[in-house]
């Protein structure tokens, strides 16, 4: 079972007034925006971790081509 938390923000009165004029479920819009941002930052964090792991591996130019050639020549 999911337990919800309350998050509050302060916005200018004029913005709040304009929001009331628009028929949008603001809670759902903001929740969806936050969920997407969390997913985006999670992906970025994982990619950075992968980059960090790969940076420790020494690679030489044309290394993959050499391995492919060796594999083909061995058959």
PDB file of N, CA and C in Angstrom:
ATOM      1  N   UNK A   1       0.842  -1.181   0.000  1.00  0.00           N
ATOM      2  CA  UNK A   1       0.000   0.000   0.000  1.00  0.00           C
ATOM      3  C   UNK A   1       0.884   1.240   0.000  1.00  0.00           C
ATOM      4  N   UNK A   2       0.561   2.177  -0.843  1.00  0.00           N
ATOM      5  CA  UNK A   2       1.337   3.397  -0.984  1.00  0.00           C
ATOM      6  C   UNK A   2       0.832   4.466  -0.023  1.00  0.00           C
ATOM      7  N   UNK A   3       1.746   5.091   0.662  1.00  0.00           N
ATOM      8  CA  UNK A   3       1.400   6.191   1.560  1.00  0.00           C
ATOM      9  C   UNK A   3       1.826   7.485   0.880  1.00  0.00           C
ATOM     10  N   UNK A   4       0.916   8.408   0.777  1.00  0.00           N
ATOM     11  CA  UNK A   4       1.211   9.674   0.124  1.00  0.00           C
ATOM     12  C   UNK A   4       1.737  10.691   1.116  1.00  0.00           C
ATOM     13  N   UNK A   5       2.609  11.544   0.616  1.00  0.00           N
ATOM     14  CA  UNK A   5       3.150  12.661   1.387  1.00  0.00           C
ATOM     15  C   UNK A   5       2.620  13.953   0.786  1.00  0.00           C
ATOM     16  N   UNK A   6       2.579  14.977   1.587  1.00  0.00           N
ATOM     17  CA  UNK A   6       2.136  16.286   1.132  1.00  0.00           C
ATOM     18  C   UNK A   6       3.354  17.157   0.895  1.00  0.00           C
ATOM     19  N   UNK A   7       3.387  17.792  -0.278  1.00  0.00           N
ATOM     20  CA  UNK A   7       4.450  18.738  -0.621  1.00  0.00           C
ATOM     21  C   UNK A   7       3.746  20.050  -0.958  1.00  0.00           C
ATOM     22  N   UNK A   8       4.195  21.124  -0.358  1.00  0.00           N
ATOM     23  CA  UNK A   8       3.560  22.407  -0.656  1.00  0.00           C
ATOM     24  C   UNK A   8       4.602  23.361  -1.222  1.00  0.00           C
ATOM     25  N   UNK A   9       4.127  24.244  -2.063  1.00  0.00           N
ATOM     26  CA  UNK A   9       5.001  25.262  -2.666  1.00  0.00           C
ATOM     27  C   UNK A   9       4.288  26.611  -2.585  1.00  0.00           C
ATOM     28  N   UNK A  10       5.073  27.644  -2.667  1.00  0.00           N
ATOM     29  CA  UNK A  10       4.506  28.996  -2.694  1.00  0.00           C
ATOM     30  C   UNK A  10       4.632  29.531  -4.120  1.00  0.00           C
ATOM     31  N   UNK A  11       3.548  30.100  -4.577  1.00  0.00           N
ATOM     32  CA  UNK A  11       3.532  30.713  -5.906  1.00  0.00           C
ATOM     33  C   UNK A  11       2.901  32.095  -5.786  1.00  0.00           C
ATOM     34  N   UNK A  12       3.197  32.961  -6.743  1.00  0.00           N
ATOM     35  CA  UNK A  12       2.600  34.302  -6.708  1.00  0.00           C
ATOM     36  C   UNK A  12       1.068  34.237  -6.825  1.00  0.00           C
ATOM     37  N   UNK A  13       0.388  35.184  -6.174  1.00  0.00           N
ATOM     38  CA  UNK A  13      -1.076  35.236  -6.202  1.00  0.00           C
ATOM     39  C   UNK A  13      -1.601  35.289  -7.628  1.00  0.00           C
ATOM     40  N   UNK A  14      -0.934  36.067  -8.455  1.00  0.00           N
ATOM     41  CA  UNK A  14      -1.386  36.235  -9.838  1.00  0.00           C
ATOM     42  C   UNK A  14      -1.340  34.889 -10.592  1.00  0.00           C
ATOM     43  N   UNK A  15      -0.324  34.116 -10.344  1.00  0.00           N
ATOM     44  CA  UNK A  15      -0.219  32.805 -10.981  1.00  0.00           C
ATOM     45  C   UNK A  15      -1.341  31.891 -10.491  1.00  0.00           C
ATOM     46  N   UNK A  16      -1.601  31.886  -9.214  1.00  0.00           N
ATOM     47  CA  UNK A  16      -2.678  31.071  -8.635  1.00  0.00           C
ATOM     48  C   UNK A  16      -4.013  31.449  -9.260  1.00  0.00           C
ATOM     49  N   UNK A  17      -4.217  32.732  -9.448  1.00  0.00           N
ATOM     50  CA  UNK A  17      -5.447  33.233 -10.050  1.00  0.00           C
ATOM     51  C   UNK A  17      -5.594  32.698 -11.480  1.00  0.00           C
ATOM     52  N   UNK A  18      -4.511  32.740 -12.234  1.00  0.00           N
ATOM     53  CA  UNK A  18      -4.534  32.240 -13.607  1.00  0.00           C
ATOM     54  C   UNK A  18      -4.747  30.723 -13.637  1.00  0.00           C
ATOM     55  N   UNK A  19      -4.169  30.024 -12.686  1.00  0.00           N
ATOM     56  CA  UNK A  19      -4.338  28.573 -12.624  1.00  0.00           C
ATOM     57  C   UNK A  19      -5.796  28.200 -12.411  1.00  0.00           C
ATOM     58  N   UNK A  20      -6.521  28.973 -11.579  1.00  0.00           N
ATOM     59  CA  UNK A  20      -7.933  28.695 -11.308  1.00  0.00           C
ATOM     60  C   UNK A  20      -8.797  28.854 -12.552  1.00  0.00           C
ATOM     61  N   UNK A  21      -8.352  29.693 -13.483  1.00  0.00           N
ATOM     62  CA  UNK A  21      -9.104  29.929 -14.717  1.00  0.00           C
ATOM     63  C   UNK A  21      -8.979  28.756 -15.696  1.00  0.00           C
ATOM     64  N   UNK A  22      -7.969  27.947 -15.507  1.00  0.00           N
ATOM     65  CA  UNK A  22      -7.712  26.834 -16.416  1.00  0.00           C
ATOM     66  C   UNK A  22      -8.207  25.548 -15.770  1.00  0.00           C
ATOM     67  N   UNK A  23      -8.989  24.805 -16.513  1.00  0.00           N
ATOM     68  CA  UNK A  23      -9.564  23.557 -15.981  1.00  0.00           C
ATOM     69  C   UNK A  23      -8.564  22.410 -16.152  1.00  0.00           C
ATOM     70  N   UNK A  24      -7.584  22.365 -15.257  1.00  0.00           N
ATOM     71  CA  UNK A  24      -6.559  21.318 -15.260  1.00  0.00           C
ATOM     72  C   UNK A  24      -6.453  20.791 -13.838  1.00  0.00           C
ATOM     73  N   UNK A  25      -6.227  19.482 -13.721  1.00  0.00           N
ATOM     74  CA  UNK A  25      -5.967  18.887 -12.419  1.00  0.00           C
ATOM     75  C   UNK A  25      -4.491  19.170 -12.109  1.00  0.00           C
ATOM     76  N   UNK A  26      -4.254  20.270 -11.417  1.00  0.00           N
ATOM     77  CA  UNK A  26      -2.883  20.713 -11.176  1.00  0.00           C
ATOM     78  C   UNK A  26      -2.089  19.724 -10.333  1.00  0.00           C
ATOM     79  N   UNK A  27      -2.733  19.087  -9.389  1.00  0.00           N
ATOM     80  CA  UNK A  27      -2.034  18.096  -8.566  1.00  0.00           C
ATOM     81  C   UNK A  27      -1.492  16.977  -9.440  1.00  0.00           C
ATOM     82  N   UNK A  28      -2.316  16.480 -10.343  1.00  0.00           N
ATOM     83  CA  UNK A  28      -1.885  15.390 -11.228  1.00  0.00           C
ATOM     84  C   UNK A  28      -0.798  15.866 -12.190  1.00  0.00           C
ATOM     85  N   UNK A  29      -0.938  17.063 -12.720  1.00  0.00           N
ATOM     86  CA  UNK A  29       0.084  17.610 -13.633  1.00  0.00           C
ATOM     87  C   UNK A  29       1.435  17.748 -12.932  1.00  0.00           C
ATOM     88  N   UNK A  30       1.414  18.290 -11.743  1.00  0.00           N
ATOM     89  CA  UNK A  30       2.656  18.492 -10.991  1.00  0.00           C
ATOM     90  C   UNK A  30       3.256  17.161 -10.578  1.00  0.00           C
ATOM     91  N   UNK A  31       2.416  16.221 -10.169  1.00  0.00           N
ATOM     92  CA  UNK A  31       2.887  14.880  -9.779  1.00  0.00           C
ATOM     93  C   UNK A  31       3.561  14.193 -10.978  1.00  0.00           C
ATOM     94  N   UNK A  32       2.928  14.275 -12.153  1.00  0.00           N
ATOM     95  CA  UNK A  32       3.488  13.669 -13.368  1.00  0.00           C
ATOM     96  C   UNK A  32       4.821  14.323 -13.732  1.00  0.00           C
ATOM     97  N   UNK A  33       4.897  15.641 -13.592  1.00  0.00           N
ATOM     98  CA  UNK A  33       6.140  16.358 -13.879  1.00  0.00           C
ATOM     99  C   UNK A  33       7.260  15.895 -12.948  1.00  0.00           C
ATOM    100  N   UNK A  34       6.949  15.786 -11.660  1.00  0.00           N
ATOM    101  CA  UNK A  34       7.958  15.366 -10.683  1.00  0.00           C
ATOM    102  C   UNK A  34       8.403  13.931 -10.959  1.00  0.00           C
ATOM    103  N   UNK A  35       7.454  13.046 -11.267  1.00  0.00           N
ATOM    104  CA  UNK A  35       7.802  11.658 -11.580  1.00  0.00           C
ATOM    105  C   UNK A  35       8.735  11.581 -12.775  1.00  0.00           C
ATOM    106  N   UNK A  36       8.459  12.360 -13.803  1.00  0.00           N
ATOM    107  CA  UNK A  36       9.316  12.359 -14.999  1.00  0.00           C
ATOM    108  C   UNK A  36      10.713  12.888 -14.676  1.00  0.00           C
ATOM    109  N   UNK A  37      10.780  13.947 -13.876  1.00  0.00           N
ATOM    110  CA  UNK A  37      12.087  14.493 -13.484  1.00  0.00           C
ATOM    111  C   UNK A  37      12.893  13.474 -12.686  1.00  0.00           C
ATOM    112  N   UNK A  38      12.227  12.756 -11.790  1.00  0.00           N
ATOM    113  CA  UNK A  38      12.916  11.734 -10.997  1.00  0.00           C
ATOM    114  C   UNK A  38      13.450  10.645 -11.922  1.00  0.00           C
ATOM    115  N   UNK A  39      12.630  10.196 -12.886  1.00  0.00           N
ATOM    116  CA  UNK A  39      13.100   9.186 -13.853  1.00  0.00           C
ATOM    117  C   UNK A  39      14.292   9.705 -14.657  1.00  0.00           C
ATOM    118  N   UNK A  40      14.200  10.952 -15.104  1.00  0.00           N
ATOM    119  CA  UNK A  40      15.269  11.559 -15.895  1.00  0.00           C
ATOM    120  C   UNK A  40      16.576  11.616 -15.101  1.00  0.00           C
ATOM    121  N   UNK A  41      16.513  12.102 -13.874  1.00  0.00           N
ATOM    122  CA  UNK A  41      17.718  12.206 -13.054  1.00  0.00           C
ATOM    123  C   UNK A  41      18.266  10.835 -12.681  1.00  0.00           C
ATOM    124  N   UNK A  42      17.375   9.854 -12.496  1.00  0.00           N
ATOM    125  CA  UNK A  42      17.819   8.488 -12.210  1.00  0.00           C
ATOM    126  C   UNK A  42      18.581   7.929 -13.407  1.00  0.00           C
ATOM    127  N   UNK A  43      18.059   8.147 -14.620  1.00  0.00           N
ATOM    128  CA  UNK A  43      18.760   7.687 -15.835  1.00  0.00           C
ATOM    129  C   UNK A  43      20.118   8.361 -15.956  1.00  0.00           C
ATOM    130  N   UNK A  44      20.165   9.656 -15.726  1.00  0.00           N
ATOM    131  CA  UNK A  44      21.428  10.389 -15.821  1.00  0.00           C
ATOM    132  C   UNK A  44      22.430   9.848 -14.804  1.00  0.00           C
ATOM    133  N   UNK A  45      21.969   9.605 -13.588  1.00  0.00           N
ATOM    134  CA  UNK A  45      22.848   9.078 -12.547  1.00  0.00           C
ATOM    135  C   UNK A  45      23.405   7.714 -12.954  1.00  0.00           C
ATOM    136  N   UNK A  46      22.547   6.837 -13.468  1.00  0.00           N
ATOM    137  CA  UNK A  46      22.997   5.511 -13.902  1.00  0.00           C
ATOM    138  C   UNK A  46      23.983   5.617 -15.051  1.00  0.00           C
ATOM    139  N   UNK A  47      23.710   6.496 -16.010  1.00  0.00           N
ATOM    140  CA  UNK A  47      24.632   6.674 -17.135  1.00  0.00           C
ATOM    141  C   UNK A  47      25.987   7.190 -16.663  1.00  0.00           C
ATOM    142  N   UNK A  48      25.971   8.106 -15.704  1.00  0.00           N
ATOM    143  CA  UNK A  48      27.235   8.609 -15.155  1.00  0.00           C
ATOM    144  C   UNK A  48      28.007   7.505 -14.445  1.00  0.00           C
ATOM    145  N   UNK A  49      27.284   6.632 -13.730  1.00  0.00           N
ATOM    146  CA  UNK A  49      27.936   5.507 -13.062  1.00  0.00           C
ATOM    147  C   UNK A  49      28.566   4.560 -14.083  1.00  0.00           C
ATOM    148  N   UNK A  50      27.854   4.316 -15.176  1.00  0.00           N
ATOM    149  CA  UNK A  50      28.383   3.454 -16.236  1.00  0.00           C
ATOM    150  C   UNK A  50      29.609   4.100 -16.874  1.00  0.00           C
ATOM    151  N   UNK A  51      29.521   5.396 -17.159  1.00  0.00           N
ATOM    152  CA  UNK A  51      30.671   6.110 -17.729  1.00  0.00           C
ATOM    153  C   UNK A  51      31.884   6.012 -16.814  1.00  0.00           C
ATOM    154  N   UNK A  52      31.644   6.149 -15.510  1.00  0.00           N
ATOM    155  CA  UNK A  52      32.736   6.066 -14.546  1.00  0.00           C
ATOM    156  C   UNK A  52      33.360   4.667 -14.554  1.00  0.00           C
ATOM    157  N   UNK A  53      32.522   3.641 -14.608  1.00  0.00           N
ATOM    158  CA  UNK A  53      33.043   2.273 -14.652  1.00  0.00           C
ATOM    159  C   UNK A  53      33.838   2.028 -15.941  1.00  0.00           C
ATOM    160  N   UNK A  54      33.311   2.531 -17.046  1.00  0.00           N
ATOM    161  CA  UNK A  54      33.980   2.317 -18.330  1.00  0.00           C
ATOM    162  C   UNK A  54      35.269   3.120 -18.447  1.00  0.00           C
ATOM    163  N   UNK A  55      35.350   4.235 -17.730  1.00  0.00           N
ATOM    164  CA  UNK A  55      36.563   5.058 -17.828  1.00  0.00           C
ATOM    165  C   UNK A  55      37.771   4.320 -17.262  1.00  0.00           C
ATOM    166  N   UNK A  56      37.531   3.349 -16.395  1.00  0.00           N
ATOM    167  CA  UNK A  56      38.627   2.576 -15.820  1.00  0.00           C
ATOM    168  C   UNK A  56      39.137   1.492 -16.748  1.00  0.00           C
ATOM    169  N   UNK A  57      38.418   1.234 -17.822  1.00  0.00           N
ATOM    170  CA  UNK A  57      38.823   0.202 -18.770  1.00  0.00           C
ATOM    171  C   UNK A  57      39.646   0.859 -19.873  1.00  0.00           C
ATOM    172  N   UNK A  58      40.851   0.341 -20.057  1.00  0.00           N
ATOM    173  CA  UNK A  58      41.679   0.927 -21.120  1.00  0.00           C
ATOM    174  C   UNK A  58      41.265   0.324 -22.455  1.00  0.00           C
ATOM    175  N   UNK A  59      41.060   1.194 -23.395  1.00  0.00           N
ATOM    176  CA  UNK A  59      40.708   0.755 -24.743  1.00  0.00           C
ATOM    177  C   UNK A  59      41.698   1.377 -25.712  1.00  0.00           C
ATOM    178  N   UNK A  60      42.050   0.590 -26.677  1.00  0.00           N
ATOM    179  CA  UNK A  60      42.930   1.113 -27.713  1.00  0.00           C
ATOM    180  C   UNK A  60      42.128   1.288 -28.988  1.00  0.00           C
ATOM    181  N   UNK A  61      42.519   2.248 -29.777  1.00  0.00           N
ATOM    182  CA  UNK A  61      41.840   2.521 -31.025  1.00  0.00           C
ATOM    183  C   UNK A  61      41.893   1.279 -31.905  1.00  0.00           C
ATOM    184  N   UNK A  62      40.790   0.979 -32.523  1.00  0.00           N
ATOM    185  CA  UNK A  62      40.653  -0.148 -33.434  1.00  0.00           C
ATOM    186  C   UNK A  62      40.778  -1.491 -32.723  1.00  0.00           C
ATOM    187  N   UNK A  63      40.641  -1.505 -31.410  1.00  0.00           N
ATOM    188  CA  UNK A  63      40.734  -2.728 -30.636  1.00  0.00           C
ATOM    189  C   UNK A  63      39.632  -3.706 -31.056  1.00  0.00           C
ATOM    190  N   UNK A  64      38.415  -3.238 -31.188  1.00  0.00           N
ATOM    191  CA  UNK A  64      37.298  -4.099 -31.563  1.00  0.00           C
ATOM    192  C   UNK A  64      37.522  -4.679 -32.952  1.00  0.00           C
ATOM    193  N   UNK A  65      38.004  -3.864 -33.865  1.00  0.00           N
ATOM    194  CA  UNK A  65      38.261  -4.342 -35.223  1.00  0.00           C
ATOM    195  C   UNK A  65      39.301  -5.449 -35.211  1.00  0.00           C
ATOM    196  N   UNK A  66      40.295  -5.297 -34.369  1.00  0.00           N
ATOM    197  CA  UNK A  66      41.349  -6.314 -34.279  1.00  0.00           C
ATOM    198  C   UNK A  66      40.770  -7.630 -33.769  1.00  0.00           C
ATOM    199  N   UNK A  67      39.899  -7.560 -32.750  1.00  0.00           N
ATOM    200  CA  UNK A  67      39.280  -8.775 -32.217  1.00  0.00           C
ATOM    201  C   UNK A  67      38.389  -9.455 -33.258  1.00  0.00           C
ATOM    202  N   UNK A  68      37.669  -8.679 -34.012  1.00  0.00           N
ATOM    203  CA  UNK A  68      36.818  -9.247 -35.058  1.00  0.00           C
ATOM    204  C   UNK A  68      37.682  -9.927 -36.098  1.00  0.00           C
ATOM    205  N   UNK A  69      38.771  -9.285 -36.494  1.00  0.00           N
ATOM    206  CA  UNK A  69      39.679  -9.863 -37.490  1.00  0.00           C
ATOM    207  C   UNK A  69      40.284 -11.161 -36.966  1.00  0.00           C
ATOM    208  N   UNK A  70      40.720 -11.181 -35.728  1.00  0.00           N
ATOM    209  CA  UNK A  70      41.294 -12.392 -35.141  1.00  0.00           C
ATOM    210  C   UNK A  70      40.265 -13.516 -35.122  1.00  0.00           C
ATOM    211  N   UNK A  71      39.027 -13.175 -34.779  1.00  0.00           N
ATOM    212  CA  UNK A  71      37.975 -14.188 -34.737  1.00  0.00           C
ATOM    213  C   UNK A  71      37.715 -14.750 -36.136  1.00  0.00           C
ATOM    214  N   UNK A  72      37.653 -13.889 -37.123  1.00  0.00           N
ATOM    215  CA  UNK A  72      37.403 -14.341 -38.506  1.00  0.00           C
ATOM    216  C   UNK A  72      38.552 -15.188 -39.026  1.00  0.00           C
ATOM    217  N   UNK A  73      39.778 -14.773 -38.710  1.00  0.00           N
ATOM    218  CA  UNK A  73      40.957 -15.516 -39.190  1.00  0.00           C
ATOM    219  C   UNK A  73      41.087 -16.891 -38.536  1.00  0.00           C
ATOM    220  N   UNK A  74      40.541 -17.039 -37.341  1.00  0.00           N
ATOM    221  CA  UNK A  74      40.692 -18.310 -36.632  1.00  0.00           C
ATOM    222  C   UNK A  74      39.763 -19.389 -37.186  1.00  0.00           C
ATOM    223  N   UNK A  75      38.814 -19.035 -38.002  1.00  0.00           N
ATOM    224  CA  UNK A  75      37.857 -20.029 -38.563  1.00  0.00           C
ATOM    225  C   UNK A  75      38.285 -20.521 -39.888  1.00  0.00           C
TER     226      UNK A  75
END
